[in-house]
Amino acid sequence: MNTTSGIKVRQMVDWRAAAIAGIISGFIALGMNILLSAVVLDSPWVFIRIIASLVMGKAVLPPPVEFSSGVFLAAVLIHLVLGLLYTALIAAVVHQWGILISLAGGALMGLAFYTINFYFFSLLFPWFFTFRNWAFLLTHIIFGAIAGGVYEWLEVEKYIEIRDEVT
């Protein structure tokens, strides 16, 4: 981008805003997934066990699906790490545009993350295949929109000068 003085600048990603947006959107998505898991899958702990199974294996999935503090802690940590990573990717893509593009771009990236989570991870974790449904698709899209929107809302715009190198 050129400024009025002719100096070329590039907008930097605000990583602090991305981290905060990742935590906020991650916890909101976690809450939505637990709620929808209760409605759609008859237990709020099914989603928790799905996420925990990434590190604990499929042994945490069979019934009875009850609360377990160890499983819950593992799921929350995994979910937040993924939320931070995904929000960092969203921020890197949408940081140059305004709130509407950040919301729409974040939602589209949420759709991409759903595809990665439930189609790619199904190759590594075959039990994920059975959890492909509209509820988790919806929460991924909403997560992306929230992550992009919160990032844009919190972002402090910073620019650096781009210097042409003479060889």
N, C-alpha and C. Protein backbone atom coordinates (compact mmCIF):
# COMPACT_ATOMS: atom_id res chain seq x y z
N MET A 1 0.85 -1.17 0.00
CA MET A 1 0.00 0.00 0.00
C MET A 1 0.90 1.23 0.00
N ASN A 2 0.51 2.24 -0.76
CA ASN A 2 1.24 3.51 -0.78
C ASN A 2 0.53 4.53 0.09
N THR A 3 1.29 5.27 0.86
CA THR A 3 0.73 6.36 1.65
C THR A 3 0.69 7.60 0.77
N THR A 4 0.11 8.68 1.29
CA THR A 4 0.05 9.93 0.53
C THR A 4 1.42 10.51 0.26
N SER A 5 2.41 10.14 1.05
CA SER A 5 3.77 10.64 0.85
C SER A 5 4.56 9.74 -0.10
N GLY A 6 3.94 8.70 -0.63
CA GLY A 6 4.61 7.82 -1.57
C GLY A 6 5.40 6.71 -0.93
N ILE A 7 5.39 6.61 0.38
CA ILE A 7 6.11 5.54 1.09
C ILE A 7 5.25 4.28 1.05
N LYS A 8 5.85 3.16 0.67
CA LYS A 8 5.13 1.89 0.67
C LYS A 8 5.12 1.31 2.07
N VAL A 9 3.95 0.88 2.53
CA VAL A 9 3.81 0.28 3.85
C VAL A 9 3.02 -1.01 3.76
N ARG A 10 3.19 -1.83 4.78
CA ARG A 10 2.44 -3.08 4.90
C ARG A 10 1.85 -3.15 6.29
N GLN A 11 0.59 -3.56 6.37
CA GLN A 11 -0.06 -3.69 7.67
C GLN A 11 0.37 -5.00 8.32
N MET A 12 0.68 -4.92 9.60
CA MET A 12 1.12 -6.08 10.37
C MET A 12 -0.07 -6.73 11.09
N VAL A 13 0.05 -8.02 11.33
CA VAL A 13 -0.95 -8.73 12.12
C VAL A 13 -0.74 -8.36 13.58
N ASP A 14 -1.82 -8.09 14.27
CA ASP A 14 -1.79 -7.81 15.72
C ASP A 14 -1.95 -9.14 16.44
N TRP A 15 -0.83 -9.77 16.81
CA TRP A 15 -0.87 -11.10 17.40
C TRP A 15 -1.52 -11.11 18.78
N ARG A 16 -1.43 -10.01 19.49
CA ARG A 16 -2.11 -9.91 20.79
C ARG A 16 -3.63 -10.00 20.60
N ALA A 17 -4.13 -9.25 19.62
CA ALA A 17 -5.56 -9.29 19.31
C ALA A 17 -5.97 -10.68 18.83
N ALA A 18 -5.10 -11.33 18.05
CA ALA A 18 -5.40 -12.68 17.57
C ALA A 18 -5.49 -13.67 18.73
N ALA A 19 -4.59 -13.54 19.71
CA ALA A 19 -4.61 -14.45 20.86
C ALA A 19 -5.87 -14.25 21.69
N ILE A 20 -6.22 -13.00 21.95
CA ILE A 20 -7.44 -12.73 22.73
C ILE A 20 -8.67 -13.20 21.97
N ALA A 21 -8.72 -12.93 20.66
CA ALA A 21 -9.85 -13.38 19.84
C ALA A 21 -9.93 -14.90 19.83
N GLY A 22 -8.78 -15.58 19.82
CA GLY A 22 -8.76 -17.04 19.84
C GLY A 22 -9.32 -17.61 21.13
N ILE A 23 -8.96 -16.99 22.24
CA ILE A 23 -9.48 -17.45 23.53
C ILE A 23 -10.98 -17.21 23.63
N ILE A 24 -11.42 -16.00 23.24
CA ILE A 24 -12.85 -15.68 23.31
C ILE A 24 -13.66 -16.58 22.40
N SER A 25 -13.27 -16.65 21.13
CA SER A 25 -14.03 -17.46 20.17
C SER A 25 -13.92 -18.95 20.50
N GLY A 26 -12.78 -19.38 21.03
CA GLY A 26 -12.62 -20.78 21.42
C GLY A 26 -13.57 -21.18 22.54
N PHE A 27 -13.68 -20.32 23.57
CA PHE A 27 -14.60 -20.63 24.67
C PHE A 27 -16.07 -20.55 24.23
N ILE A 28 -16.40 -19.59 23.37
CA ILE A 28 -17.77 -19.50 22.86
C ILE A 28 -18.11 -20.75 22.06
N ALA A 29 -17.19 -21.15 21.18
CA ALA A 29 -17.42 -22.35 20.37
C ALA A 29 -17.51 -23.60 21.25
N LEU A 30 -16.67 -23.67 22.27
CA LEU A 30 -16.72 -24.81 23.20
C LEU A 30 -18.09 -24.89 23.86
N GLY A 31 -18.58 -23.75 24.34
CA GLY A 31 -19.91 -23.72 24.95
C GLY A 31 -21.01 -24.12 23.97
N MET A 32 -20.94 -23.59 22.73
CA MET A 32 -21.94 -23.96 21.71
C MET A 32 -21.88 -25.46 21.42
N ASN A 33 -20.68 -26.00 21.30
CA ASN A 33 -20.54 -27.43 20.99
C ASN A 33 -21.06 -28.31 22.11
N ILE A 34 -20.82 -27.91 23.34
CA ILE A 34 -21.35 -28.68 24.48
C ILE A 34 -22.87 -28.62 24.48
N LEU A 35 -23.44 -27.44 24.26
CA LEU A 35 -24.89 -27.28 24.22
C LEU A 35 -25.51 -28.09 23.08
N LEU A 36 -24.95 -27.94 21.88
CA LEU A 36 -25.50 -28.69 20.74
C LEU A 36 -25.28 -30.19 20.89
N SER A 37 -24.20 -30.58 21.53
CA SER A 37 -23.97 -32.00 21.80
C SER A 37 -25.08 -32.55 22.71
N ALA A 38 -25.48 -31.75 23.68
CA ALA A 38 -26.57 -32.16 24.57
C ALA A 38 -27.88 -32.32 23.81
N VAL A 39 -28.13 -31.40 22.88
CA VAL A 39 -29.39 -31.42 22.12
C VAL A 39 -29.38 -32.49 21.03
N VAL A 40 -28.31 -32.52 20.23
CA VAL A 40 -28.27 -33.39 19.06
C VAL A 40 -27.81 -34.80 19.39
N LEU A 41 -26.86 -34.94 20.31
CA LEU A 41 -26.28 -36.25 20.62
C LEU A 41 -26.68 -36.78 22.00
N ASP A 42 -27.61 -36.12 22.65
CA ASP A 42 -28.21 -36.55 23.92
C ASP A 42 -27.29 -36.50 25.14
N SER A 43 -26.13 -35.90 25.01
CA SER A 43 -25.25 -35.74 26.16
C SER A 43 -24.30 -34.58 25.91
N PRO A 44 -24.15 -33.68 26.88
CA PRO A 44 -23.22 -32.57 26.70
C PRO A 44 -21.76 -33.04 26.66
N TRP A 45 -21.50 -34.26 27.10
CA TRP A 45 -20.12 -34.73 27.23
C TRP A 45 -19.62 -35.48 26.00
N VAL A 46 -20.50 -35.72 25.02
CA VAL A 46 -20.07 -36.40 23.81
C VAL A 46 -19.02 -35.57 23.08
N PHE A 47 -19.28 -34.28 22.91
CA PHE A 47 -18.31 -33.42 22.22
C PHE A 47 -16.99 -33.39 22.97
N ILE A 48 -17.06 -33.27 24.28
CA ILE A 48 -15.84 -33.24 25.11
C ILE A 48 -15.02 -34.50 24.87
N ARG A 49 -15.68 -35.63 24.84
CA ARG A 49 -14.97 -36.89 24.63
C ARG A 49 -14.41 -37.02 23.22
N ILE A 50 -15.11 -36.46 22.23
CA ILE A 50 -14.60 -36.47 20.85
C ILE A 50 -13.27 -35.72 20.79
N ILE A 51 -13.25 -34.53 21.38
CA ILE A 51 -12.02 -33.72 21.35
C ILE A 51 -10.91 -34.39 22.16
N ALA A 52 -11.24 -34.88 23.34
CA ALA A 52 -10.22 -35.54 24.18
C ALA A 52 -9.65 -36.77 23.50
N SER A 53 -10.43 -37.42 22.64
CA SER A 53 -9.96 -38.63 21.97
C SER A 53 -8.78 -38.36 21.04
N LEU A 54 -8.55 -37.10 20.70
CA LEU A 54 -7.38 -36.77 19.88
C LEU A 54 -6.07 -37.16 20.57
N VAL A 55 -6.04 -37.02 21.88
CA VAL A 55 -4.82 -37.38 22.62
C VAL A 55 -5.02 -38.60 23.52
N MET A 56 -6.26 -38.89 23.89
CA MET A 56 -6.51 -40.00 24.82
C MET A 56 -6.94 -41.28 24.11
N GLY A 57 -7.21 -41.18 22.81
CA GLY A 57 -7.63 -42.34 22.04
C GLY A 57 -9.12 -42.60 22.12
N LYS A 58 -9.57 -43.55 21.31
CA LYS A 58 -11.01 -43.82 21.23
C LYS A 58 -11.57 -44.52 22.46
N ALA A 59 -10.71 -44.89 23.38
CA ALA A 59 -11.17 -45.54 24.61
C ALA A 59 -12.06 -44.63 25.45
N VAL A 60 -11.98 -43.31 25.26
CA VAL A 60 -12.81 -42.38 26.04
C VAL A 60 -14.20 -42.21 25.45
N LEU A 61 -14.48 -42.82 24.29
CA LEU A 61 -15.76 -42.60 23.61
C LEU A 61 -16.93 -43.50 24.04
N PRO A 62 -16.71 -44.78 24.36
CA PRO A 62 -17.86 -45.64 24.63
C PRO A 62 -18.69 -45.20 25.84
N PRO A 63 -19.99 -45.56 25.82
CA PRO A 63 -20.85 -45.24 26.96
C PRO A 63 -20.38 -45.94 28.22
N PRO A 64 -20.75 -45.48 29.37
CA PRO A 64 -21.60 -44.31 29.59
C PRO A 64 -20.82 -43.01 29.38
N VAL A 65 -21.50 -42.05 28.79
CA VAL A 65 -20.88 -40.76 28.51
C VAL A 65 -21.21 -39.84 29.67
N GLU A 66 -20.32 -39.84 30.64
CA GLU A 66 -20.49 -39.03 31.84
C GLU A 66 -19.36 -38.03 31.95
N PHE A 67 -19.49 -37.11 32.88
CA PHE A 67 -18.44 -36.13 33.11
C PHE A 67 -17.23 -36.80 33.72
N SER A 68 -16.06 -36.42 33.21
CA SER A 68 -14.78 -36.87 33.77
C SER A 68 -13.85 -35.66 33.75
N SER A 69 -13.30 -35.31 34.89
CA SER A 69 -12.48 -34.10 34.97
C SER A 69 -11.23 -34.20 34.09
N GLY A 70 -10.60 -35.36 34.03
CA GLY A 70 -9.41 -35.53 33.19
C GLY A 70 -9.72 -35.38 31.71
N VAL A 71 -10.82 -36.00 31.29
CA VAL A 71 -11.25 -35.90 29.89
C VAL A 71 -11.63 -34.45 29.58
N PHE A 72 -12.33 -33.82 30.50
CA PHE A 72 -12.75 -32.43 30.30
C PHE A 72 -11.54 -31.50 30.16
N LEU A 73 -10.56 -31.65 31.04
CA LEU A 73 -9.37 -30.81 30.99
C LEU A 73 -8.61 -31.02 29.68
N ALA A 74 -8.44 -32.26 29.27
CA ALA A 74 -7.76 -32.55 28.00
C ALA A 74 -8.49 -31.90 26.83
N ALA A 75 -9.82 -32.02 26.81
CA ALA A 75 -10.62 -31.46 25.72
C ALA A 75 -10.53 -29.94 25.69
N VAL A 76 -10.61 -29.30 26.85
CA VAL A 76 -10.53 -27.84 26.89
C VAL A 76 -9.18 -27.37 26.39
N LEU A 77 -8.10 -28.01 26.82
CA LEU A 77 -6.76 -27.61 26.38
C LEU A 77 -6.59 -27.79 24.87
N ILE A 78 -7.01 -28.93 24.35
CA ILE A 78 -6.91 -29.17 22.91
C ILE A 78 -7.75 -28.16 22.15
N HIS A 79 -8.97 -27.93 22.61
CA HIS A 79 -9.88 -27.00 21.93
C HIS A 79 -9.30 -25.59 21.92
N LEU A 80 -8.71 -25.16 23.02
CA LEU A 80 -8.13 -23.81 23.06
C LEU A 80 -6.88 -23.69 22.19
N VAL A 81 -6.06 -24.72 22.18
CA VAL A 81 -4.88 -24.68 21.31
C VAL A 81 -5.31 -24.60 19.84
N LEU A 82 -6.27 -25.44 19.46
CA LEU A 82 -6.77 -25.38 18.08
C LEU A 82 -7.44 -24.03 17.79
N GLY A 83 -8.19 -23.51 18.77
CA GLY A 83 -8.83 -22.20 18.60
C GLY A 83 -7.82 -21.09 18.40
N LEU A 84 -6.73 -21.13 19.15
CA LEU A 84 -5.67 -20.13 18.99
C LEU A 84 -4.99 -20.27 17.63
N LEU A 85 -4.69 -21.50 17.24
CA LEU A 85 -4.06 -21.73 15.95
C LEU A 85 -4.96 -21.27 14.80
N TYR A 86 -6.22 -21.69 14.85
CA TYR A 86 -7.15 -21.32 13.78
C TYR A 86 -7.40 -19.81 13.74
N THR A 87 -7.48 -19.18 14.89
CA THR A 87 -7.68 -17.73 14.92
C THR A 87 -6.45 -17.01 14.39
N ALA A 88 -5.27 -17.52 14.67
CA ALA A 88 -4.05 -16.92 14.11
C ALA A 88 -4.08 -16.98 12.58
N LEU A 89 -4.54 -18.10 12.03
CA LEU A 89 -4.67 -18.21 10.58
C LEU A 89 -5.71 -17.24 10.03
N ILE A 90 -6.84 -17.13 10.73
CA ILE A 90 -7.88 -16.18 10.32
C ILE A 90 -7.33 -14.76 10.35
N ALA A 91 -6.64 -14.41 11.44
CA ALA A 91 -6.08 -13.05 11.57
C ALA A 91 -5.09 -12.76 10.45
N ALA A 92 -4.25 -13.74 10.10
CA ALA A 92 -3.27 -13.53 9.04
C ALA A 92 -3.93 -13.26 7.70
N VAL A 93 -5.12 -13.81 7.50
CA VAL A 93 -5.83 -13.61 6.23
C VAL A 93 -6.65 -12.32 6.23
N VAL A 94 -7.35 -12.02 7.32
CA VAL A 94 -8.32 -10.92 7.31
C VAL A 94 -7.81 -9.60 7.88
N HIS A 95 -6.58 -9.55 8.34
CA HIS A 95 -6.11 -8.36 9.08
C HIS A 95 -6.08 -7.08 8.25
N GLN A 96 -6.14 -7.16 6.96
CA GLN A 96 -6.04 -5.95 6.14
C GLN A 96 -7.40 -5.36 5.77
N TRP A 97 -8.47 -6.03 6.12
CA TRP A 97 -9.79 -5.56 5.72
C TRP A 97 -10.61 -5.18 6.93
N GLY A 98 -11.81 -4.71 6.68
CA GLY A 98 -12.69 -4.25 7.74
C GLY A 98 -13.49 -5.37 8.37
N ILE A 99 -14.43 -4.96 9.19
CA ILE A 99 -15.21 -5.90 10.00
C ILE A 99 -16.06 -6.85 9.16
N LEU A 100 -16.69 -6.37 8.10
CA LEU A 100 -17.55 -7.25 7.30
C LEU A 100 -16.76 -8.36 6.62
N ILE A 101 -15.62 -8.01 6.05
CA ILE A 101 -14.77 -9.03 5.42
C ILE A 101 -14.22 -9.98 6.48
N SER A 102 -13.89 -9.45 7.65
CA SER A 102 -13.38 -10.30 8.72
C SER A 102 -14.43 -11.30 9.19
N LEU A 103 -15.67 -10.86 9.29
CA LEU A 103 -16.76 -11.77 9.67
C LEU A 103 -16.99 -12.83 8.59
N ALA A 104 -17.12 -12.38 7.34
CA ALA A 104 -17.38 -13.31 6.23
C ALA A 104 -16.18 -14.22 5.99
N GLY A 105 -14.99 -13.63 5.98
CA GLY A 105 -13.78 -14.44 5.76
C GLY A 105 -13.57 -15.44 6.88
N GLY A 106 -13.83 -15.01 8.11
CA GLY A 106 -13.71 -15.91 9.25
C GLY A 106 -14.71 -17.06 9.15
N ALA A 107 -15.94 -16.75 8.73
CA ALA A 107 -16.96 -17.79 8.58
C ALA A 107 -16.55 -18.80 7.50
N LEU A 108 -16.02 -18.31 6.38
CA LEU A 108 -15.56 -19.22 5.32
C LEU A 108 -14.38 -20.07 5.80
N MET A 109 -13.50 -19.46 6.56
CA MET A 109 -12.38 -20.24 7.10
C MET A 109 -12.88 -21.25 8.14
N GLY A 110 -13.92 -20.89 8.90
CA GLY A 110 -14.54 -21.85 9.82
C GLY A 110 -15.06 -23.06 9.07
N LEU A 111 -15.65 -22.83 7.91
CA LEU A 111 -16.11 -23.93 7.04
C LEU A 111 -14.93 -24.79 6.62
N ALA A 112 -13.83 -24.14 6.26
CA ALA A 112 -12.62 -24.90 5.89
C ALA A 112 -12.10 -25.70 7.08
N PHE A 113 -12.13 -25.13 8.27
CA PHE A 113 -11.65 -25.84 9.46
C PHE A 113 -12.55 -27.05 9.77
N TYR A 114 -13.86 -26.91 9.55
CA TYR A 114 -14.76 -28.05 9.72
C TYR A 114 -14.34 -29.18 8.78
N THR A 115 -14.06 -28.81 7.53
CA THR A 115 -13.64 -29.80 6.54
C THR A 115 -12.35 -30.49 6.98
N ILE A 116 -11.40 -29.70 7.45
CA ILE A 116 -10.14 -30.27 7.94
C ILE A 116 -10.40 -31.17 9.14
N ASN A 117 -11.16 -30.67 10.11
CA ASN A 117 -11.39 -31.42 11.35
C ASN A 117 -12.14 -32.72 11.13
N PHE A 118 -13.19 -32.70 10.31
CA PHE A 118 -14.05 -33.87 10.22
C PHE A 118 -13.84 -34.72 8.97
N TYR A 119 -13.01 -34.25 8.03
CA TYR A 119 -12.70 -35.07 6.86
C TYR A 119 -11.24 -35.50 6.88
N PHE A 120 -10.31 -34.57 7.10
CA PHE A 120 -8.90 -34.95 7.19
C PHE A 120 -8.64 -35.76 8.46
N PHE A 121 -9.10 -35.25 9.60
CA PHE A 121 -8.87 -35.97 10.86
C PHE A 121 -9.56 -37.33 10.87
N SER A 122 -10.60 -37.50 10.05
CA SER A 122 -11.25 -38.81 9.96
C SER A 122 -10.31 -39.86 9.39
N LEU A 123 -9.33 -39.42 8.61
CA LEU A 123 -8.34 -40.37 8.10
C LEU A 123 -7.42 -40.86 9.22
N LEU A 124 -7.13 -39.96 10.16
CA LEU A 124 -6.26 -40.32 11.29
C LEU A 124 -7.03 -40.91 12.46
N PHE A 125 -8.26 -40.42 12.63
CA PHE A 125 -9.12 -40.84 13.73
C PHE A 125 -10.47 -41.25 13.14
N PRO A 126 -10.61 -42.50 12.69
CA PRO A 126 -11.80 -42.93 11.96
C PRO A 126 -13.12 -42.70 12.68
N TRP A 127 -13.12 -42.65 14.01
CA TRP A 127 -14.36 -42.44 14.75
C TRP A 127 -14.91 -41.02 14.56
N PHE A 128 -14.12 -40.09 14.05
CA PHE A 128 -14.62 -38.74 13.76
C PHE A 128 -15.69 -38.76 12.67
N PHE A 129 -15.60 -39.75 11.77
CA PHE A 129 -16.55 -39.83 10.66
C PHE A 129 -17.99 -39.80 11.14
N THR A 130 -18.27 -40.50 12.22
CA THR A 130 -19.66 -40.59 12.70
C THR A 130 -20.17 -39.28 13.30
N PHE A 131 -19.28 -38.32 13.55
CA PHE A 131 -19.70 -37.07 14.17
C PHE A 131 -19.83 -35.91 13.18
N ARG A 132 -19.77 -36.23 11.88
CA ARG A 132 -20.00 -35.20 10.87
C ARG A 132 -21.50 -34.88 10.89
N ASN A 133 -21.83 -33.65 11.24
CA ASN A 133 -23.24 -33.27 11.23
C ASN A 133 -23.38 -31.76 11.15
N TRP A 134 -24.63 -31.32 10.94
CA TRP A 134 -24.90 -29.90 10.75
C TRP A 134 -24.55 -29.08 11.99
N ALA A 135 -24.68 -29.66 13.17
CA ALA A 135 -24.43 -28.90 14.40
C ALA A 135 -22.96 -28.49 14.50
N PHE A 136 -22.06 -29.43 14.26
CA PHE A 136 -20.64 -29.10 14.32
C PHE A 136 -20.22 -28.22 13.14
N LEU A 137 -20.86 -28.39 12.00
CA LEU A 137 -20.61 -27.50 10.86
C LEU A 137 -20.99 -26.07 11.24
N LEU A 138 -22.17 -25.91 11.82
CA LEU A 138 -22.64 -24.59 12.23
C LEU A 138 -21.71 -23.94 13.26
N THR A 139 -21.27 -24.70 14.25
CA THR A 139 -20.41 -24.10 15.28
C THR A 139 -19.05 -23.72 14.72
N HIS A 140 -18.55 -24.44 13.73
CA HIS A 140 -17.28 -24.06 13.10
C HIS A 140 -17.42 -22.75 12.33
N ILE A 141 -18.52 -22.61 11.61
CA ILE A 141 -18.75 -21.38 10.85
C ILE A 141 -18.92 -20.19 11.81
N ILE A 142 -19.69 -20.38 12.87
CA ILE A 142 -19.87 -19.31 13.86
C ILE A 142 -18.55 -19.00 14.56
N PHE A 143 -17.77 -20.03 14.90
CA PHE A 143 -16.45 -19.80 15.49
C PHE A 143 -15.61 -18.90 14.60
N GLY A 144 -15.55 -19.23 13.31
CA GLY A 144 -14.74 -18.44 12.38
C GLY A 144 -15.20 -17.00 12.29
N ALA A 145 -16.51 -16.80 12.23
CA ALA A 145 -17.04 -15.44 12.16
C ALA A 145 -16.72 -14.66 13.43
N ILE A 146 -16.89 -15.29 14.57
CA ILE A 146 -16.57 -14.63 15.85
C ILE A 146 -15.08 -14.32 15.93
N ALA A 147 -14.24 -15.29 15.56
CA ALA A 147 -12.79 -15.08 15.61
C ALA A 147 -12.38 -13.91 14.72
N GLY A 148 -12.89 -13.87 13.50
CA GLY A 148 -12.56 -12.77 12.59
C GLY A 148 -13.09 -11.44 13.08
N GLY A 149 -14.32 -11.42 13.57
CA GLY A 149 -14.93 -10.19 14.06
C GLY A 149 -14.26 -9.65 15.31
N VAL A 150 -14.00 -10.53 16.28
CA VAL A 150 -13.35 -10.09 17.52
C VAL A 150 -11.92 -9.63 17.22
N TYR A 151 -11.24 -10.35 16.34
CA TYR A 151 -9.89 -9.92 15.97
C TYR A 151 -9.93 -8.50 15.39
N GLU A 152 -10.80 -8.27 14.45
CA GLU A 152 -10.88 -6.95 13.81
C GLU A 152 -11.27 -5.88 14.82
N TRP A 153 -12.14 -6.21 15.73
CA TRP A 153 -12.58 -5.25 16.75
C TRP A 153 -11.43 -4.88 17.68
N LEU A 154 -10.59 -5.85 18.03
CA LEU A 154 -9.49 -5.61 18.97
C LEU A 154 -8.20 -5.14 18.30
N GLU A 155 -8.10 -5.33 17.00
CA GLU A 155 -6.85 -5.05 16.29
C GLU A 155 -6.41 -3.60 16.43
N VAL A 156 -5.14 -3.43 16.74
CA VAL A 156 -4.49 -2.13 16.71
C VAL A 156 -3.67 -2.12 15.43
N GLU A 157 -4.04 -1.28 14.51
CA GLU A 157 -3.38 -1.29 13.20
C GLU A 157 -1.97 -0.72 13.31
N LYS A 158 -1.03 -1.48 12.78
CA LYS A 158 0.37 -1.09 12.79
C LYS A 158 0.93 -1.35 11.39
N TYR A 159 1.69 -0.41 10.91
CA TYR A 159 2.25 -0.52 9.57
C TYR A 159 3.77 -0.45 9.64
N ILE A 160 4.41 -1.15 8.72
CA ILE A 160 5.85 -1.03 8.60
C ILE A 160 6.17 -0.59 7.17
N GLU A 161 7.26 0.12 7.05
CA GLU A 161 7.68 0.59 5.73
C GLU A 161 8.29 -0.56 4.95
N ILE A 162 7.94 -0.62 3.67
CA ILE A 162 8.52 -1.61 2.77
C ILE A 162 9.61 -0.90 1.97
N ARG A 163 10.80 -1.36 2.13
CA ARG A 163 11.93 -0.74 1.43
C ARG A 163 12.26 -1.57 0.22
N ASP A 164 12.40 -0.89 -0.92
CA ASP A 164 12.83 -1.57 -2.14
C ASP A 164 14.33 -1.80 -2.04
N GLU A 165 14.71 -3.05 -2.23
CA GLU A 165 16.14 -3.36 -2.16
C GLU A 165 16.75 -3.21 -3.54
N VAL A 166 17.86 -2.52 -3.59
CA VAL A 166 18.58 -2.31 -4.85
C VAL A 166 19.70 -3.33 -4.89
N THR A 167 19.75 -4.08 -5.98
CA THR A 167 20.81 -5.09 -6.09
C THR A 167 21.86 -4.70 -7.07
